[in-house]
Amino acid sequence: MAAAAFPAVAAAFLADARRRQASLGVDVEAGGWTSDEDESRVRWAYAEARRLIQRFSGLRAKLQERMVTGVSAGECANLIEEQLRGSWI
């Protein structure tokens, strides 16, 4: 499993991003997103990603097949648009 698949890595990334933003003078809690919420937001993001991967597993497989054959990024985008036309995520 890739390191990015671990929620702890994502939480550490968010903490690092907050430190970087703060060092640049950015109000890291603008918009009401406090660091206390980071863990629950990371968990939500992982759950949402799993849901989308499961929902669109057929599209992911088709996209993977096309990418292996070396199609262009534009052709991949067209496939995604065709497959998702008329659907709401």
PDB file of N, CA and C in Angstrom:
ATOM      1  N   MET A   1       0.849  -1.176   0.000  1.00  0.00           N
ATOM      2  CA  MET A   1       0.000   0.000   0.000  1.00  0.00           C
ATOM      3  C   MET A   1       0.894   1.238   0.000  1.00  0.00           C
ATOM      4  N   ALA A   2       0.551   2.206  -0.826  1.00  0.00           N
ATOM      5  CA  ALA A   2       1.343   3.431  -0.933  1.00  0.00           C
ATOM      6  C   ALA A   2       1.258   4.230   0.355  1.00  0.00           C
ATOM      7  N   ALA A   3       2.329   4.965   0.657  1.00  0.00           N
ATOM      8  CA  ALA A   3       2.363   5.767   1.879  1.00  0.00           C
ATOM      9  C   ALA A   3       1.219   6.757   1.923  1.00  0.00           C
ATOM     10  N   ALA A   4       0.799   7.279   0.778  1.00  0.00           N
ATOM     11  CA  ALA A   4      -0.273   8.267   0.750  1.00  0.00           C
ATOM     12  C   ALA A   4      -1.618   7.660   1.138  1.00  0.00           C
ATOM     13  N   ALA A   5      -1.708   6.347   1.193  1.00  0.00           N
ATOM     14  CA  ALA A   5      -2.960   5.696   1.543  1.00  0.00           C
ATOM     15  C   ALA A   5      -3.190   5.654   3.047  1.00  0.00           C
ATOM     16  N   PHE A   6      -2.231   6.077   3.831  1.00  0.00           N
ATOM     17  CA  PHE A   6      -2.378   6.056   5.277  1.00  0.00           C
ATOM     18  C   PHE A   6      -2.880   7.404   5.783  1.00  0.00           C
ATOM     19  N   PRO A   7      -4.014   7.420   6.504  1.00  0.00           N
ATOM     20  CA  PRO A   7      -4.540   8.688   7.007  1.00  0.00           C
ATOM     21  C   PRO A   7      -3.537   9.490   7.838  1.00  0.00           C
ATOM     22  N   ALA A   8      -2.643   8.828   8.548  1.00  0.00           N
ATOM     23  CA  ALA A   8      -1.654   9.554   9.352  1.00  0.00           C
ATOM     24  C   ALA A   8      -0.740  10.391   8.462  1.00  0.00           C
ATOM     25  N   VAL A   9      -0.430   9.884   7.284  1.00  0.00           N
ATOM     26  CA  VAL A   9       0.401  10.631   6.344  1.00  0.00           C
ATOM     27  C   VAL A   9      -0.356  11.868   5.875  1.00  0.00           C
ATOM     28  N   ALA A  10      -1.630  11.709   5.581  1.00  0.00           N
ATOM     29  CA  ALA A  10      -2.443  12.844   5.143  1.00  0.00           C
ATOM     30  C   ALA A  10      -2.555  13.883   6.254  1.00  0.00           C
ATOM     31  N   ALA A  11      -2.735  13.438   7.478  1.00  0.00           N
ATOM     32  CA  ALA A  11      -2.825  14.376   8.611  1.00  0.00           C
ATOM     33  C   ALA A  11      -1.509  15.125   8.788  1.00  0.00           C
ATOM     34  N   ALA A  12      -0.393  14.429   8.641  1.00  0.00           N
ATOM     35  CA  ALA A  12       0.919  15.084   8.743  1.00  0.00           C
ATOM     36  C   ALA A  12       1.099  16.083   7.611  1.00  0.00           C
ATOM     37  N   PHE A  13       0.618  15.743   6.416  1.00  0.00           N
ATOM     38  CA  PHE A  13       0.690  16.654   5.289  1.00  0.00           C
ATOM     39  C   PHE A  13      -0.106  17.927   5.587  1.00  0.00           C
ATOM     40  N   LEU A  14      -1.312  17.759   6.138  1.00  0.00           N
ATOM     41  CA  LEU A  14      -2.124  18.930   6.485  1.00  0.00           C
ATOM     42  C   LEU A  14      -1.427  19.794   7.531  1.00  0.00           C
ATOM     43  N   ALA A  15      -0.835  19.167   8.520  1.00  0.00           N
ATOM     44  CA  ALA A  15      -0.123  19.922   9.555  1.00  0.00           C
ATOM     45  C   ALA A  15       1.046  20.692   8.948  1.00  0.00           C
ATOM     46  N   ASP A  16       1.790  20.055   8.054  1.00  0.00           N
ATOM     47  CA  ASP A  16       2.900  20.729   7.385  1.00  0.00           C
ATOM     48  C   ASP A  16       2.398  21.891   6.529  1.00  0.00           C
ATOM     49  N   ALA A  17       1.290  21.671   5.834  1.00  0.00           N
ATOM     50  CA  ALA A  17       0.724  22.731   4.996  1.00  0.00           C
ATOM     51  C   ALA A  17       0.287  23.915   5.854  1.00  0.00           C
ATOM     52  N   ARG A  18      -0.311  23.629   7.001  1.00  0.00           N
ATOM     53  CA  ARG A  18      -0.720  24.710   7.905  1.00  0.00           C
ATOM     54  C   ARG A  18       0.495  25.504   8.381  1.00  0.00           C
ATOM     55  N   ARG A  19       1.569  24.807   8.743  1.00  0.00           N
ATOM     56  CA  ARG A  19       2.791  25.502   9.174  1.00  0.00           C
ATOM     57  C   ARG A  19       3.350  26.373   8.057  1.00  0.00           C
ATOM     58  N   ARG A  20       3.359  25.845   6.861  1.00  0.00           N
ATOM     59  CA  ARG A  20       3.871  26.599   5.710  1.00  0.00           C
ATOM     60  C   ARG A  20       3.020  27.839   5.460  1.00  0.00           C
ATOM     61  N   GLN A  21       1.708  27.668   5.479  1.00  0.00           N
ATOM     62  CA  GLN A  21       0.824  28.807   5.258  1.00  0.00           C
ATOM     63  C   GLN A  21       1.014  29.864   6.344  1.00  0.00           C
ATOM     64  N   ALA A  22       1.119  29.416   7.585  1.00  0.00           N
ATOM     65  CA  ALA A  22       1.302  30.353   8.695  1.00  0.00           C
ATOM     66  C   ALA A  22       2.613  31.121   8.538  1.00  0.00           C
ATOM     67  N   SER A  23       3.655  30.436   8.048  1.00  0.00           N
ATOM     68  CA  SER A  23       4.948  31.107   7.866  1.00  0.00           C
ATOM     69  C   SER A  23       4.873  32.160   6.763  1.00  0.00           C
ATOM     70  N   LEU A  24       3.889  32.035   5.875  1.00  0.00           N
ATOM     71  CA  LEU A  24       3.699  33.007   4.798  1.00  0.00           C
ATOM     72  C   LEU A  24       2.698  34.091   5.170  1.00  0.00           C
ATOM     73  N   GLY A  25       2.199  34.027   6.400  1.00  0.00           N
ATOM     74  CA  GLY A  25       1.247  35.029   6.860  1.00  0.00           C
ATOM     75  C   GLY A  25      -0.191  34.757   6.473  1.00  0.00           C
ATOM     76  N   VAL A  26      -0.486  33.527   6.039  1.00  0.00           N
ATOM     77  CA  VAL A  26      -1.846  33.156   5.661  1.00  0.00           C
ATOM     78  C   VAL A  26      -2.622  32.787   6.918  1.00  0.00           C
ATOM     79  N   ASP A  27      -3.852  33.288   7.030  1.00  0.00           N
ATOM     80  CA  ASP A  27      -4.714  32.917   8.157  1.00  0.00           C
ATOM     81  C   ASP A  27      -5.214  31.505   7.904  1.00  0.00           C
ATOM     82  N   VAL A  28      -4.580  30.532   8.558  1.00  0.00           N
ATOM     83  CA  VAL A  28      -4.878  29.124   8.274  1.00  0.00           C
ATOM     84  C   VAL A  28      -6.228  28.670   8.801  1.00  0.00           C
ATOM     85  N   GLU A  29      -6.876  29.492   9.589  1.00  0.00           N
ATOM     86  CA  GLU A  29      -8.200  29.114  10.080  1.00  0.00           C
ATOM     87  C   GLU A  29      -9.298  29.970   9.469  1.00  0.00           C
ATOM     88  N   ALA A  30      -8.960  30.681   8.390  1.00  0.00           N
ATOM     89  CA  ALA A  30      -9.967  31.457   7.672  1.00  0.00           C
ATOM     90  C   ALA A  30     -11.012  30.503   7.114  1.00  0.00           C
ATOM     91  N   GLY A  31     -12.234  30.891   7.165  1.00  0.00           N
ATOM     92  CA  GLY A  31     -13.298  30.035   6.652  1.00  0.00           C
ATOM     93  C   GLY A  31     -13.818  29.051   7.686  1.00  0.00           C
ATOM     94  N   GLY A  32     -13.283  29.107   8.897  1.00  0.00           N
ATOM     95  CA  GLY A  32     -13.812  28.270   9.960  1.00  0.00           C
ATOM     96  C   GLY A  32     -13.263  26.864  10.025  1.00  0.00           C
ATOM     97  N   TRP A  33     -12.215  26.552   9.307  1.00  0.00           N
ATOM     98  CA  TRP A  33     -11.632  25.213   9.336  1.00  0.00           C
ATOM     99  C   TRP A  33     -10.476  25.218  10.324  1.00  0.00           C
ATOM    100  N   THR A  34     -10.705  24.673  11.489  1.00  0.00           N
ATOM    101  CA  THR A  34      -9.677  24.656  12.526  1.00  0.00           C
ATOM    102  C   THR A  34      -8.854  23.379  12.445  1.00  0.00           C
ATOM    103  N   SER A  35      -7.673  23.437  13.023  1.00  0.00           N
ATOM    104  CA  SER A  35      -6.803  22.249  13.005  1.00  0.00           C
ATOM    105  C   SER A  35      -7.411  21.106  13.803  1.00  0.00           C
ATOM    106  N   ASP A  36      -8.310  21.407  14.735  1.00  0.00           N
ATOM    107  CA  ASP A  36      -8.980  20.353  15.497  1.00  0.00           C
ATOM    108  C   ASP A  36      -9.850  19.475  14.601  1.00  0.00           C
ATOM    109  N   GLU A  37     -10.240  19.993  13.456  1.00  0.00           N
ATOM    110  CA  GLU A  37     -11.100  19.254  12.529  1.00  0.00           C
ATOM    111  C   GLU A  37     -10.324  18.456  11.487  1.00  0.00           C
ATOM    112  N   ASP A  38      -9.009  18.602  11.460  1.00  0.00           N
ATOM    113  CA  ASP A  38      -8.211  17.951  10.425  1.00  0.00           C
ATOM    114  C   ASP A  38      -8.433  16.445  10.376  1.00  0.00           C
ATOM    115  N   GLU A  39      -8.415  15.789  11.519  1.00  0.00           N
ATOM    116  CA  GLU A  39      -8.559  14.330  11.521  1.00  0.00           C
ATOM    117  C   GLU A  39      -9.900  13.899  10.937  1.00  0.00           C
ATOM    118  N   SER A  40     -10.972  14.553  11.325  1.00  0.00           N
ATOM    119  CA  SER A  40     -12.280  14.159  10.803  1.00  0.00           C
ATOM    120  C   SER A  40     -12.399  14.485   9.323  1.00  0.00           C
ATOM    121  N   ARG A  41     -11.774  15.565   8.875  1.00  0.00           N
ATOM    122  CA  ARG A  41     -11.804  15.902   7.451  1.00  0.00           C
ATOM    123  C   ARG A  41     -10.981  14.898   6.640  1.00  0.00           C
ATOM    124  N   VAL A  42      -9.864  14.453   7.170  1.00  0.00           N
ATOM    125  CA  VAL A  42      -9.061  13.437   6.478  1.00  0.00           C
ATOM    126  C   VAL A  42      -9.851  12.139   6.395  1.00  0.00           C
ATOM    127  N   ARG A  43     -10.500  11.753   7.471  1.00  0.00           N
ATOM    128  CA  ARG A  43     -11.313  10.522   7.453  1.00  0.00           C
ATOM    129  C   ARG A  43     -12.443  10.636   6.430  1.00  0.00           C
ATOM    130  N   TRP A  44     -13.094  11.816   6.386  1.00  0.00           N
ATOM    131  CA  TRP A  44     -14.156  12.029   5.403  1.00  0.00           C
ATOM    132  C   TRP A  44     -13.596  11.913   3.990  1.00  0.00           C
ATOM    133  N   ALA A  45     -12.441  12.537   3.739  1.00  0.00           N
ATOM    134  CA  ALA A  45     -11.844  12.515   2.402  1.00  0.00           C
ATOM    135  C   ALA A  45     -11.521  11.089   1.966  1.00  0.00           C
ATOM    136  N   TYR A  46     -10.987  10.276   2.871  1.00  0.00           N
ATOM    137  CA  TYR A  46     -10.684   8.884   2.530  1.00  0.00           C
ATOM    138  C   TYR A  46     -11.960   8.089   2.266  1.00  0.00           C
ATOM    139  N   ALA A  47     -12.986   8.312   3.073  1.00  0.00           N
ATOM    140  CA  ALA A  47     -14.247   7.607   2.864  1.00  0.00           C
ATOM    141  C   ALA A  47     -14.876   8.014   1.539  1.00  0.00           C
ATOM    142  N   GLU A  48     -14.826   9.289   1.229  1.00  0.00           N
ATOM    143  CA  GLU A  48     -15.376   9.774  -0.039  1.00  0.00           C
ATOM    144  C   GLU A  48     -14.590   9.219  -1.223  1.00  0.00           C
ATOM    145  N   ALA A  49     -13.276   9.179  -1.113  1.00  0.00           N
ATOM    146  CA  ALA A  49     -12.447   8.619  -2.187  1.00  0.00           C
ATOM    147  C   ALA A  49     -12.781   7.142  -2.404  1.00  0.00           C
ATOM    148  N   ARG A  50     -12.923   6.383  -1.315  1.00  0.00           N
ATOM    149  CA  ARG A  50     -13.290   4.961  -1.446  1.00  0.00           C
ATOM    150  C   ARG A  50     -14.638   4.818  -2.135  1.00  0.00           C
ATOM    151  N   ARG A  51     -15.594   5.651  -1.737  1.00  0.00           N
ATOM    152  CA  ARG A  51     -16.935   5.589  -2.327  1.00  0.00           C
ATOM    153  C   ARG A  51     -16.878   5.869  -3.825  1.00  0.00           C
ATOM    154  N   LEU A  52     -16.139   6.887  -4.219  1.00  0.00           N
ATOM    155  CA  LEU A  52     -16.042   7.237  -5.634  1.00  0.00           C
ATOM    156  C   LEU A  52     -15.308   6.163  -6.433  1.00  0.00           C
ATOM    157  N   ILE A  53     -14.259   5.598  -5.856  1.00  0.00           N
ATOM    158  CA  ILE A  53     -13.519   4.534  -6.545  1.00  0.00           C
ATOM    159  C   ILE A  53     -14.417   3.328  -6.758  1.00  0.00           C
ATOM    160  N   GLN A  54     -15.210   2.977  -5.760  1.00  0.00           N
ATOM    161  CA  GLN A  54     -16.124   1.842  -5.909  1.00  0.00           C
ATOM    162  C   GLN A  54     -17.213   2.148  -6.931  1.00  0.00           C
ATOM    163  N   ARG A  55     -17.778   3.345  -6.830  1.00  0.00           N
ATOM    164  CA  ARG A  55     -18.878   3.718  -7.733  1.00  0.00           C
ATOM    165  C   ARG A  55     -18.431   3.732  -9.187  1.00  0.00           C
ATOM    166  N   PHE A  56     -17.218   4.187  -9.419  1.00  0.00           N
ATOM    167  CA  PHE A  56     -16.738   4.334 -10.785  1.00  0.00           C
ATOM    168  C   PHE A  56     -15.631   3.346 -11.130  1.00  0.00           C
ATOM    169  N   SER A  57     -15.692   2.163 -10.536  1.00  0.00           N
ATOM    170  CA  SER A  57     -14.642   1.174 -10.783  1.00  0.00           C
ATOM    171  C   SER A  57     -14.590   0.753 -12.249  1.00  0.00           C
ATOM    172  N   GLY A  58     -15.732   0.667 -12.908  1.00  0.00           N
ATOM    173  CA  GLY A  58     -15.754   0.316 -14.328  1.00  0.00           C
ATOM    174  C   GLY A  58     -15.066   1.371 -15.169  1.00  0.00           C
ATOM    175  N   LEU A  59     -15.322   2.630 -14.865  1.00  0.00           N
ATOM    176  CA  LEU A  59     -14.675   3.723 -15.580  1.00  0.00           C
ATOM    177  C   LEU A  59     -13.177   3.715 -15.312  1.00  0.00           C
ATOM    178  N   ARG A  60     -12.797   3.474 -14.072  1.00  0.00           N
ATOM    179  CA  ARG A  60     -11.379   3.424 -13.726  1.00  0.00           C
ATOM    180  C   ARG A  60     -10.671   2.341 -14.520  1.00  0.00           C
ATOM    181  N   ALA A  61     -11.309   1.184 -14.651  1.00  0.00           N
ATOM    182  CA  ALA A  61     -10.717   0.075 -15.407  1.00  0.00           C
ATOM    183  C   ALA A  61     -10.567   0.442 -16.883  1.00  0.00           C
ATOM    184  N   LYS A  62     -11.606   1.059 -17.469  1.00  0.00           N
ATOM    185  CA  LYS A  62     -11.526   1.478 -18.874  1.00  0.00           C
ATOM    186  C   LYS A  62     -10.424   2.515 -19.062  1.00  0.00           C
ATOM    187  N   LEU A  63     -10.346   3.445 -18.141  1.00  0.00           N
ATOM    188  CA  LEU A  63      -9.326   4.485 -18.214  1.00  0.00           C
ATOM    189  C   LEU A  63      -7.925   3.879 -18.108  1.00  0.00           C
ATOM    190  N   GLN A  64      -7.774   2.935 -17.197  1.00  0.00           N
ATOM    191  CA  GLN A  64      -6.486   2.261 -17.035  1.00  0.00           C
ATOM    192  C   GLN A  64      -6.092   1.538 -18.317  1.00  0.00           C
ATOM    193  N   GLU A  65      -7.047   0.844 -18.924  1.00  0.00           N
ATOM    194  CA  GLU A  65      -6.763   0.123 -20.173  1.00  0.00           C
ATOM    195  C   GLU A  65      -6.278   1.087 -21.253  1.00  0.00           C
ATOM    196  N   ARG A  66      -6.948   2.219 -21.367  1.00  0.00           N
ATOM    197  CA  ARG A  66      -6.557   3.190 -22.398  1.00  0.00           C
ATOM    198  C   ARG A  66      -5.193   3.799 -22.105  1.00  0.00           C
ATOM    199  N   MET A  67      -4.926   4.079 -20.846  1.00  0.00           N
ATOM    200  CA  MET A  67      -3.645   4.677 -20.485  1.00  0.00           C
ATOM    201  C   MET A  67      -2.494   3.718 -20.796  1.00  0.00           C
ATOM    202  N   VAL A  68      -2.717   2.425 -20.562  1.00  0.00           N
ATOM    203  CA  VAL A  68      -1.685   1.421 -20.839  1.00  0.00           C
ATOM    204  C   VAL A  68      -1.350   1.391 -22.327  1.00  0.00           C
ATOM    205  N   THR A  69      -2.355   1.652 -23.156  1.00  0.00           N
ATOM    206  CA  THR A  69      -2.108   1.632 -24.605  1.00  0.00           C
ATOM    207  C   THR A  69      -1.479   2.926 -25.102  1.00  0.00           C
ATOM    208  N   GLY A  70      -1.344   3.915 -24.218  1.00  0.00           N
ATOM    209  CA  GLY A  70      -0.639   5.134 -24.582  1.00  0.00           C
ATOM    210  C   GLY A  70      -1.484   6.233 -25.196  1.00  0.00           C
ATOM    211  N   VAL A  71      -2.789   6.228 -24.933  1.00  0.00           N
ATOM    212  CA  VAL A  71      -3.624   7.300 -25.480  1.00  0.00           C
ATOM    213  C   VAL A  71      -3.267   8.631 -24.827  1.00  0.00           C
ATOM    214  N   SER A  72      -3.682   9.708 -25.450  1.00  0.00           N
ATOM    215  CA  SER A  72      -3.364  11.039 -24.941  1.00  0.00           C
ATOM    216  C   SER A  72      -4.223  11.387 -23.731  1.00  0.00           C
ATOM    217  N   ALA A  73      -3.789  12.404 -23.013  1.00  0.00           N
ATOM    218  CA  ALA A  73      -4.572  12.884 -21.866  1.00  0.00           C
ATOM    219  C   ALA A  73      -5.930  13.384 -22.337  1.00  0.00           C
ATOM    220  N   GLY A  74      -5.969  13.981 -23.510  1.00  0.00           N
ATOM    221  CA  GLY A  74      -7.238  14.458 -24.064  1.00  0.00           C
ATOM    222  C   GLY A  74      -8.213  13.324 -24.320  1.00  0.00           C
ATOM    223  N   GLU A  75      -7.697  12.212 -24.824  1.00  0.00           N
ATOM    224  CA  GLU A  75      -8.560  11.051 -25.054  1.00  0.00           C
ATOM    225  C   GLU A  75      -9.072  10.476 -23.727  1.00  0.00           C
ATOM    226  N   CYS A  76      -8.231  10.503 -22.710  1.00  0.00           N
ATOM    227  CA  CYS A  76      -8.662  10.050 -21.381  1.00  0.00           C
ATOM    228  C   CYS A  76      -9.762  10.967 -20.851  1.00  0.00           C
ATOM    229  N   ALA A  77      -9.579  12.266 -21.017  1.00  0.00           N
ATOM    230  CA  ALA A  77     -10.598  13.223 -20.578  1.00  0.00           C
ATOM    231  C   ALA A  77     -11.909  12.991 -21.327  1.00  0.00           C
ATOM    232  N   ASN A  78     -11.817  12.715 -22.632  1.00  0.00           N
ATOM    233  CA  ASN A  78     -13.027  12.432 -23.417  1.00  0.00           C
ATOM    234  C   ASN A  78     -13.752  11.203 -22.893  1.00  0.00           C
ATOM    235  N   LEU A  79     -13.005  10.166 -22.563  1.00  0.00           N
ATOM    236  CA  LEU A  79     -13.614   8.952 -22.010  1.00  0.00           C
ATOM    237  C   LEU A  79     -14.366   9.277 -20.732  1.00  0.00           C
ATOM    238  N   ILE A  80     -13.730  10.026 -19.850  1.00  0.00           N
ATOM    239  CA  ILE A  80     -14.359  10.378 -18.581  1.00  0.00           C
ATOM    240  C   ILE A  80     -15.631  11.179 -18.831  1.00  0.00           C
ATOM    241  N   GLU A  81     -15.550  12.161 -19.716  1.00  0.00           N
ATOM    242  CA  GLU A  81     -16.727  12.982 -20.026  1.00  0.00           C
ATOM    243  C   GLU A  81     -17.861  12.135 -20.608  1.00  0.00           C
ATOM    244  N   GLU A  82     -17.525  11.231 -21.517  1.00  0.00           N
ATOM    245  CA  GLU A  82     -18.536  10.357 -22.128  1.00  0.00           C
ATOM    246  C   GLU A  82     -19.212   9.486 -21.069  1.00  0.00           C
ATOM    247  N   GLN A  83     -18.411   8.905 -20.205  1.00  0.00           N
ATOM    248  CA  GLN A  83     -18.929   7.968 -19.199  1.00  0.00           C
ATOM    249  C   GLN A  83     -19.760   8.678 -18.123  1.00  0.00           C
ATOM    250  N   LEU A  84     -19.393   9.919 -17.816  1.00  0.00           N
ATOM    251  CA  LEU A  84     -20.091  10.636 -16.741  1.00  0.00           C
ATOM    252  C   LEU A  84     -21.193  11.565 -17.232  1.00  0.00           C
ATOM    253  N   ARG A  85     -21.338  11.667 -18.534  1.00  0.00           N
ATOM    254  CA  ARG A  85     -22.357  12.550 -19.094  1.00  0.00           C
ATOM    255  C   ARG A  85     -23.723  12.207 -18.511  1.00  0.00           C
ATOM    256  N   GLY A  86     -24.377  13.199 -17.969  1.00  0.00           N
ATOM    257  CA  GLY A  86     -25.707  13.015 -17.416  1.00  0.00           C
ATOM    258  C   GLY A  86     -25.760  12.441 -16.019  1.00  0.00           C
ATOM    259  N   SER A  87     -24.617  12.150 -15.426  1.00  0.00           N
ATOM    260  CA  SER A  87     -24.639  11.617 -14.066  1.00  0.00           C
ATOM    261  C   SER A  87     -24.162  12.685 -13.093  1.00  0.00           C
ATOM    262  N   TRP A  88     -24.674  12.619 -11.910  1.00  0.00           N
ATOM    263  CA  TRP A  88     -24.248  13.524 -10.846  1.00  0.00           C
ATOM    264  C   TRP A  88     -23.409  12.752  -9.869  1.00  0.00           C
ATOM    265  N   ILE A  89     -22.239  13.275  -9.569  1.00  0.00           N
ATOM    266  CA  ILE A  89     -21.359  12.609  -8.621  1.00  0.00           C
ATOM    267  C   ILE A  89     -21.868  12.922  -7.256  1.00  0.00           C
TER     268      ILE A  89
END
